[in-house]
Amino acid sequence: MQVRLAWLLFSSNGNLDRKGFWFAVLGLYFVSMMLDIIGNSIFLEIGSDKISFFMFFLTKMIPRLFGILILVFSFFISKKRVNDIGAGEWVPIIYVITLFLPSFLMATGATNLFIMSIIFPIIITFYLGLAAPGVK
């Protein structure tokens, strides 16, 4: 199991079928979402005026750091899926950029662009997840 997980998250070699892609992507984002929800609830329960630096780091920074890792993991997962469907090598790079773009636009305060930028990672995710395997 550990070897398979390390291969899934840290290797660009091999192929990943549709089922494996959806399990990996949905599982990864579910864990990220749960970390964020738990961290936010703890932060709100303690209160921003009484929270220590350590608790702030655990509740706010760990989910954000995990978000950076998700970008790396998403690249490797999409790279394996691209190997399976025979798409262009640039697709995983574009995918990671589109995943990062909404967060960047939200941080800069570009709300209108943020709403529009959410569409691109969804389109690429469905393209990767629903594309038929390439001819081998």
N, C-alpha and C. Protein backbone atom coordinates (compact mmCIF):
# COMPACT_ATOMS: atom_id res chain seq x y z
N MET A 1 0.82 -1.20 0.00
CA MET A 1 0.00 0.00 0.00
C MET A 1 0.87 1.26 0.00
N GLN A 2 1.93 1.27 0.82
CA GLN A 2 2.80 2.44 0.90
C GLN A 2 3.52 2.68 -0.41
N VAL A 3 3.95 1.61 -1.06
CA VAL A 3 4.64 1.75 -2.33
C VAL A 3 3.69 2.31 -3.37
N ARG A 4 2.46 1.83 -3.39
CA ARG A 4 1.47 2.31 -4.36
C ARG A 4 1.14 3.78 -4.11
N LEU A 5 1.00 4.19 -2.84
CA LEU A 5 0.71 5.57 -2.52
C LEU A 5 1.87 6.48 -2.89
N ALA A 6 3.09 6.04 -2.61
CA ALA A 6 4.27 6.83 -2.99
C ALA A 6 4.35 6.96 -4.51
N TRP A 7 4.06 5.88 -5.23
CA TRP A 7 4.06 5.93 -6.69
C TRP A 7 2.99 6.90 -7.18
N LEU A 8 1.81 6.85 -6.58
CA LEU A 8 0.70 7.69 -7.01
C LEU A 8 1.00 9.17 -6.80
N LEU A 9 1.58 9.53 -5.68
CA LEU A 9 1.75 10.93 -5.32
C LEU A 9 3.09 11.54 -5.73
N PHE A 10 4.10 10.71 -5.99
CA PHE A 10 5.44 11.26 -6.22
C PHE A 10 6.13 10.78 -7.50
N SER A 11 5.44 10.05 -8.35
CA SER A 11 6.07 9.53 -9.56
C SER A 11 5.26 9.96 -10.78
N SER A 12 5.98 10.24 -11.86
CA SER A 12 5.29 10.56 -13.11
C SER A 12 5.32 9.40 -14.08
N ASN A 13 5.86 8.27 -13.66
CA ASN A 13 5.93 7.08 -14.52
C ASN A 13 4.68 6.25 -14.37
N GLY A 14 4.27 5.63 -15.44
CA GLY A 14 3.13 4.73 -15.41
C GLY A 14 1.86 5.39 -15.89
N ASN A 15 0.80 4.60 -15.86
CA ASN A 15 -0.51 5.05 -16.31
C ASN A 15 -1.50 4.96 -15.16
N LEU A 16 -2.54 5.78 -15.26
CA LEU A 16 -3.59 5.78 -14.25
C LEU A 16 -4.93 5.76 -14.98
N ASP A 17 -5.74 4.77 -14.67
CA ASP A 17 -7.04 4.66 -15.33
C ASP A 17 -8.03 5.66 -14.75
N ARG A 18 -9.23 5.70 -15.32
CA ARG A 18 -10.25 6.65 -14.89
C ARG A 18 -10.59 6.49 -13.41
N LYS A 19 -10.84 5.25 -13.02
CA LYS A 19 -11.23 4.97 -11.64
C LYS A 19 -10.15 5.42 -10.67
N GLY A 20 -8.91 5.09 -10.96
CA GLY A 20 -7.80 5.48 -10.11
C GLY A 20 -7.64 6.99 -10.03
N PHE A 21 -7.83 7.65 -11.17
CA PHE A 21 -7.74 9.11 -11.20
C PHE A 21 -8.79 9.74 -10.31
N TRP A 22 -10.05 9.30 -10.44
CA TRP A 22 -11.12 9.90 -9.65
C TRP A 22 -10.95 9.61 -8.16
N PHE A 23 -10.54 8.38 -7.81
CA PHE A 23 -10.29 8.09 -6.40
C PHE A 23 -9.17 8.97 -5.84
N ALA A 24 -8.11 9.13 -6.60
CA ALA A 24 -6.97 9.93 -6.14
C ALA A 24 -7.35 11.40 -5.98
N VAL A 25 -7.98 11.96 -6.99
CA VAL A 25 -8.33 13.39 -6.96
C VAL A 25 -9.36 13.68 -5.89
N LEU A 26 -10.43 12.90 -5.86
CA LEU A 26 -11.48 13.15 -4.87
C LEU A 26 -10.99 12.89 -3.45
N GLY A 27 -10.17 11.85 -3.26
CA GLY A 27 -9.61 11.58 -1.94
C GLY A 27 -8.68 12.68 -1.48
N LEU A 28 -7.85 13.15 -2.37
CA LEU A 28 -6.91 14.22 -2.05
C LEU A 28 -7.63 15.50 -1.65
N TYR A 29 -8.63 15.87 -2.41
CA TYR A 29 -9.36 17.10 -2.10
C TYR A 29 -10.27 16.94 -0.90
N PHE A 30 -10.75 15.73 -0.63
CA PHE A 30 -11.55 15.49 0.57
C PHE A 30 -10.69 15.67 1.82
N VAL A 31 -9.49 15.11 1.82
CA VAL A 31 -8.60 15.26 2.97
C VAL A 31 -8.25 16.73 3.17
N SER A 32 -7.98 17.44 2.09
CA SER A 32 -7.66 18.86 2.19
C SER A 32 -8.83 19.65 2.75
N MET A 33 -10.02 19.36 2.26
CA MET A 33 -11.20 20.07 2.73
C MET A 33 -11.46 19.79 4.21
N MET A 34 -11.28 18.55 4.63
CA MET A 34 -11.50 18.21 6.04
C MET A 34 -10.48 18.90 6.94
N LEU A 35 -9.22 18.94 6.51
CA LEU A 35 -8.21 19.67 7.29
C LEU A 35 -8.57 21.13 7.45
N ASP A 36 -9.05 21.73 6.38
CA ASP A 36 -9.44 23.14 6.42
C ASP A 36 -10.65 23.36 7.32
N ILE A 37 -11.65 22.50 7.23
CA ILE A 37 -12.85 22.65 8.06
C ILE A 37 -12.51 22.46 9.54
N ILE A 38 -11.73 21.45 9.84
CA ILE A 38 -11.35 21.21 11.24
C ILE A 38 -10.51 22.36 11.77
N GLY A 39 -9.54 22.82 10.98
CA GLY A 39 -8.70 23.93 11.40
C GLY A 39 -9.49 25.20 11.64
N ASN A 40 -10.41 25.51 10.73
CA ASN A 40 -11.23 26.72 10.89
C ASN A 40 -12.15 26.63 12.11
N SER A 41 -12.72 25.45 12.36
CA SER A 41 -13.60 25.33 13.52
C SER A 41 -12.83 25.48 14.83
N ILE A 42 -11.64 24.93 14.89
CA ILE A 42 -10.81 25.09 16.10
C ILE A 42 -10.41 26.55 16.26
N PHE A 43 -10.02 27.19 15.17
CA PHE A 43 -9.62 28.59 15.22
C PHE A 43 -10.77 29.47 15.71
N LEU A 44 -11.96 29.24 15.19
CA LEU A 44 -13.12 30.04 15.60
C LEU A 44 -13.53 29.75 17.04
N GLU A 45 -13.37 28.51 17.47
CA GLU A 45 -13.72 28.16 18.86
C GLU A 45 -12.79 28.84 19.85
N ILE A 46 -11.51 28.87 19.55
CA ILE A 46 -10.55 29.52 20.45
C ILE A 46 -10.71 31.04 20.38
N GLY A 47 -10.88 31.55 19.19
CA GLY A 47 -10.99 32.99 19.00
C GLY A 47 -9.68 33.59 18.54
N SER A 48 -9.76 34.52 17.62
CA SER A 48 -8.54 35.09 17.05
C SER A 48 -7.77 35.94 18.05
N ASP A 49 -8.43 36.45 19.08
CA ASP A 49 -7.73 37.28 20.05
C ASP A 49 -7.03 36.46 21.13
N LYS A 50 -7.38 35.19 21.31
CA LYS A 50 -6.78 34.37 22.37
C LYS A 50 -5.92 33.23 21.84
N ILE A 51 -5.78 33.09 20.54
CA ILE A 51 -5.07 31.94 19.98
C ILE A 51 -3.56 32.12 20.09
N SER A 52 -2.87 31.04 20.42
CA SER A 52 -1.40 31.09 20.50
C SER A 52 -0.82 30.90 19.09
N PHE A 53 0.47 31.19 18.96
CA PHE A 53 1.11 31.04 17.66
C PHE A 53 1.09 29.58 17.22
N PHE A 54 1.34 28.67 18.15
CA PHE A 54 1.36 27.25 17.83
C PHE A 54 0.00 26.78 17.31
N MET A 55 -1.07 27.17 17.98
CA MET A 55 -2.40 26.78 17.54
C MET A 55 -2.77 27.45 16.21
N PHE A 56 -2.32 28.69 16.03
CA PHE A 56 -2.54 29.35 14.74
C PHE A 56 -1.85 28.58 13.64
N PHE A 57 -0.63 28.15 13.89
CA PHE A 57 0.12 27.38 12.90
C PHE A 57 -0.60 26.08 12.58
N LEU A 58 -1.07 25.38 13.61
CA LEU A 58 -1.77 24.12 13.38
C LEU A 58 -3.09 24.30 12.64
N THR A 59 -3.85 25.32 13.01
CA THR A 59 -5.19 25.46 12.46
C THR A 59 -5.25 26.18 11.12
N LYS A 60 -4.32 27.08 10.87
CA LYS A 60 -4.36 27.87 9.63
C LYS A 60 -3.24 27.52 8.65
N MET A 61 -2.05 27.29 9.14
CA MET A 61 -0.91 27.11 8.24
C MET A 61 -0.76 25.68 7.73
N ILE A 62 -1.04 24.69 8.56
CA ILE A 62 -0.92 23.30 8.10
C ILE A 62 -1.85 23.02 6.91
N PRO A 63 -3.13 23.44 6.97
CA PRO A 63 -3.96 23.23 5.77
C PRO A 63 -3.45 23.97 4.54
N ARG A 64 -2.87 25.15 4.71
CA ARG A 64 -2.34 25.89 3.56
C ARG A 64 -1.09 25.22 3.00
N LEU A 65 -0.24 24.71 3.87
CA LEU A 65 0.95 24.00 3.41
C LEU A 65 0.56 22.70 2.70
N PHE A 66 -0.46 22.04 3.22
CA PHE A 66 -0.96 20.84 2.55
C PHE A 66 -1.53 21.21 1.18
N GLY A 67 -2.10 22.39 1.05
CA GLY A 67 -2.60 22.86 -0.24
C GLY A 67 -1.49 22.98 -1.27
N ILE A 68 -0.31 23.40 -0.84
CA ILE A 68 0.84 23.46 -1.75
C ILE A 68 1.24 22.05 -2.18
N LEU A 69 1.21 21.12 -1.24
CA LEU A 69 1.52 19.73 -1.60
C LEU A 69 0.49 19.17 -2.57
N ILE A 70 -0.75 19.59 -2.45
CA ILE A 70 -1.79 19.12 -3.36
C ILE A 70 -1.46 19.53 -4.80
N LEU A 71 -0.89 20.69 -4.98
CA LEU A 71 -0.48 21.10 -6.33
C LEU A 71 0.57 20.14 -6.89
N VAL A 72 1.51 19.76 -6.06
CA VAL A 72 2.55 18.81 -6.50
C VAL A 72 1.93 17.44 -6.79
N PHE A 73 1.09 16.96 -5.86
CA PHE A 73 0.44 15.66 -6.05
C PHE A 73 -0.45 15.67 -7.29
N SER A 74 -1.14 16.78 -7.52
CA SER A 74 -2.03 16.89 -8.69
C SER A 74 -1.24 16.80 -9.99
N PHE A 75 -0.04 17.37 -9.99
CA PHE A 75 0.80 17.27 -11.19
C PHE A 75 1.12 15.81 -11.49
N PHE A 76 1.56 15.07 -10.49
CA PHE A 76 1.95 13.67 -10.72
C PHE A 76 0.75 12.80 -11.08
N ILE A 77 -0.37 13.04 -10.44
CA ILE A 77 -1.58 12.27 -10.77
C ILE A 77 -2.02 12.56 -12.20
N SER A 78 -2.05 13.83 -12.57
CA SER A 78 -2.47 14.17 -13.92
C SER A 78 -1.45 13.71 -14.96
N LYS A 79 -0.20 13.69 -14.61
CA LYS A 79 0.84 13.21 -15.54
C LYS A 79 0.63 11.74 -15.86
N LYS A 80 0.31 10.95 -14.83
CA LYS A 80 0.03 9.53 -15.07
C LYS A 80 -1.23 9.35 -15.91
N ARG A 81 -2.22 10.18 -15.69
CA ARG A 81 -3.46 10.10 -16.47
C ARG A 81 -3.21 10.50 -17.92
N VAL A 82 -2.38 11.52 -18.12
CA VAL A 82 -2.01 11.95 -19.48
C VAL A 82 -1.26 10.82 -20.19
N ASN A 83 -0.42 10.09 -19.45
CA ASN A 83 0.27 8.94 -20.05
C ASN A 83 -0.74 7.91 -20.54
N ASP A 84 -1.83 7.74 -19.79
CA ASP A 84 -2.84 6.74 -20.15
C ASP A 84 -3.68 7.16 -21.35
N ILE A 85 -4.02 8.44 -21.42
CA ILE A 85 -4.90 8.88 -22.51
C ILE A 85 -4.13 9.36 -23.74
N GLY A 86 -2.83 9.55 -23.60
CA GLY A 86 -2.02 9.96 -24.74
C GLY A 86 -2.17 11.43 -25.09
N ALA A 87 -2.48 12.27 -24.11
CA ALA A 87 -2.62 13.71 -24.35
C ALA A 87 -1.26 14.38 -24.32
N GLY A 88 -1.25 15.68 -24.58
CA GLY A 88 -0.01 16.44 -24.62
C GLY A 88 0.66 16.53 -23.24
N GLU A 89 1.96 16.65 -23.27
CA GLU A 89 2.74 16.72 -22.03
C GLU A 89 2.52 18.02 -21.27
N TRP A 90 1.96 19.02 -21.90
CA TRP A 90 1.74 20.31 -21.26
C TRP A 90 0.49 20.32 -20.39
N VAL A 91 -0.40 19.33 -20.54
CA VAL A 91 -1.67 19.32 -19.81
C VAL A 91 -1.47 19.32 -18.28
N PRO A 92 -0.56 18.51 -17.70
CA PRO A 92 -0.39 18.57 -16.24
C PRO A 92 0.09 19.93 -15.73
N ILE A 93 0.93 20.59 -16.51
CA ILE A 93 1.42 21.91 -16.09
C ILE A 93 0.28 22.92 -16.12
N ILE A 94 -0.49 22.92 -17.19
CA ILE A 94 -1.65 23.81 -17.29
C ILE A 94 -2.65 23.50 -16.17
N TYR A 95 -2.83 22.22 -15.87
CA TYR A 95 -3.75 21.81 -14.81
C TYR A 95 -3.34 22.39 -13.46
N VAL A 96 -2.08 22.29 -13.13
CA VAL A 96 -1.60 22.82 -11.84
C VAL A 96 -1.74 24.35 -11.81
N ILE A 97 -1.45 25.00 -12.91
CA ILE A 97 -1.61 26.47 -12.95
C ILE A 97 -3.06 26.86 -12.75
N THR A 98 -3.98 26.13 -13.39
CA THR A 98 -5.40 26.47 -13.22
C THR A 98 -5.89 26.14 -11.82
N LEU A 99 -5.28 25.17 -11.15
CA LEU A 99 -5.64 24.89 -9.76
C LEU A 99 -5.17 26.02 -8.84
N PHE A 100 -4.02 26.59 -9.14
CA PHE A 100 -3.45 27.65 -8.30
C PHE A 100 -4.10 29.00 -8.57
N LEU A 101 -4.52 29.24 -9.80
CA LEU A 101 -5.03 30.54 -10.21
C LEU A 101 -6.19 31.07 -9.36
N PRO A 102 -7.23 30.29 -9.04
CA PRO A 102 -8.32 30.84 -8.21
C PRO A 102 -7.85 31.33 -6.84
N SER A 103 -6.95 30.60 -6.21
CA SER A 103 -6.43 31.03 -4.90
C SER A 103 -5.66 32.33 -5.02
N PHE A 104 -4.87 32.44 -6.07
CA PHE A 104 -4.09 33.65 -6.29
C PHE A 104 -5.01 34.84 -6.54
N LEU A 105 -6.02 34.66 -7.38
CA LEU A 105 -6.94 35.76 -7.68
C LEU A 105 -7.77 36.16 -6.46
N MET A 106 -8.14 35.19 -5.63
CA MET A 106 -8.89 35.51 -4.41
C MET A 106 -8.01 36.31 -3.45
N ALA A 107 -6.74 35.95 -3.36
CA ALA A 107 -5.82 36.66 -2.46
C ALA A 107 -5.56 38.09 -2.94
N THR A 108 -5.61 38.31 -4.25
CA THR A 108 -5.38 39.66 -4.77
C THR A 108 -6.64 40.51 -4.76
N GLY A 109 -7.79 39.90 -4.46
CA GLY A 109 -9.03 40.65 -4.39
C GLY A 109 -9.77 40.77 -5.70
N ALA A 110 -9.35 40.04 -6.71
CA ALA A 110 -10.01 40.08 -8.02
C ALA A 110 -11.18 39.10 -8.02
N THR A 111 -12.27 39.47 -7.36
CA THR A 111 -13.40 38.57 -7.16
C THR A 111 -14.05 38.15 -8.47
N ASN A 112 -14.22 39.07 -9.39
CA ASN A 112 -14.85 38.72 -10.67
C ASN A 112 -14.02 37.71 -11.46
N LEU A 113 -12.72 37.92 -11.49
CA LEU A 113 -11.84 36.97 -12.17
C LEU A 113 -11.78 35.65 -11.42
N PHE A 114 -11.87 35.70 -10.11
CA PHE A 114 -11.87 34.48 -9.30
C PHE A 114 -13.02 33.56 -9.69
N ILE A 115 -14.20 34.13 -9.82
CA ILE A 115 -15.38 33.34 -10.16
C ILE A 115 -15.20 32.69 -11.54
N MET A 116 -14.67 33.43 -12.48
CA MET A 116 -14.44 32.88 -13.82
C MET A 116 -13.33 31.83 -13.84
N SER A 117 -12.31 32.01 -12.99
CA SER A 117 -11.16 31.10 -13.01
C SER A 117 -11.47 29.74 -12.41
N ILE A 118 -12.56 29.60 -11.69
CA ILE A 118 -12.93 28.31 -11.11
C ILE A 118 -13.34 27.33 -12.20
N ILE A 119 -13.80 27.83 -13.31
CA ILE A 119 -14.29 26.97 -14.39
C ILE A 119 -13.16 26.15 -15.02
N PHE A 120 -11.99 26.73 -15.19
CA PHE A 120 -10.91 26.06 -15.92
C PHE A 120 -10.41 24.78 -15.24
N PRO A 121 -10.13 24.76 -13.92
CA PRO A 121 -9.70 23.48 -13.34
C PRO A 121 -10.80 22.41 -13.38
N ILE A 122 -12.05 22.83 -13.31
CA ILE A 122 -13.15 21.86 -13.39
C ILE A 122 -13.18 21.22 -14.77
N ILE A 123 -13.03 22.04 -15.81
CA ILE A 123 -13.03 21.52 -17.18
C ILE A 123 -11.87 20.56 -17.40
N ILE A 124 -10.69 20.92 -16.95
CA ILE A 124 -9.52 20.06 -17.15
C ILE A 124 -9.64 18.78 -16.32
N THR A 125 -10.17 18.88 -15.11
CA THR A 125 -10.36 17.69 -14.28
C THR A 125 -11.31 16.71 -14.96
N PHE A 126 -12.42 17.21 -15.48
CA PHE A 126 -13.36 16.33 -16.17
C PHE A 126 -12.78 15.78 -17.47
N TYR A 127 -11.98 16.58 -18.15
CA TYR A 127 -11.31 16.07 -19.36
C TYR A 127 -10.40 14.91 -18.99
N LEU A 128 -9.58 15.08 -17.96
CA LEU A 128 -8.66 14.02 -17.55
C LEU A 128 -9.42 12.81 -17.02
N GLY A 129 -10.47 13.06 -16.28
CA GLY A 129 -11.19 11.96 -15.65
C GLY A 129 -12.10 11.18 -16.57
N LEU A 130 -12.53 11.80 -17.68
CA LEU A 130 -13.48 11.12 -18.56
C LEU A 130 -12.91 10.73 -19.90
N ALA A 131 -11.70 11.15 -20.21
CA ALA A 131 -11.11 10.82 -21.52
C ALA A 131 -10.85 9.32 -21.64
N ALA A 132 -11.05 8.82 -22.83
CA ALA A 132 -10.81 7.41 -23.10
C ALA A 132 -9.31 7.13 -23.18
N PRO A 133 -8.90 5.94 -22.77
CA PRO A 133 -7.48 5.59 -22.88
C PRO A 133 -7.00 5.66 -24.32
N GLY A 134 -5.75 6.07 -24.48
CA GLY A 134 -5.18 6.18 -25.81
C GLY A 134 -4.84 4.80 -26.38
N VAL A 135 -4.59 4.78 -27.67
CA VAL A 135 -4.22 3.54 -28.35
C VAL A 135 -2.79 3.20 -27.98
N LYS A 136 -2.57 1.95 -27.60
CA LYS A 136 -1.22 1.55 -27.17
C LYS A 136 -0.56 0.68 -28.20
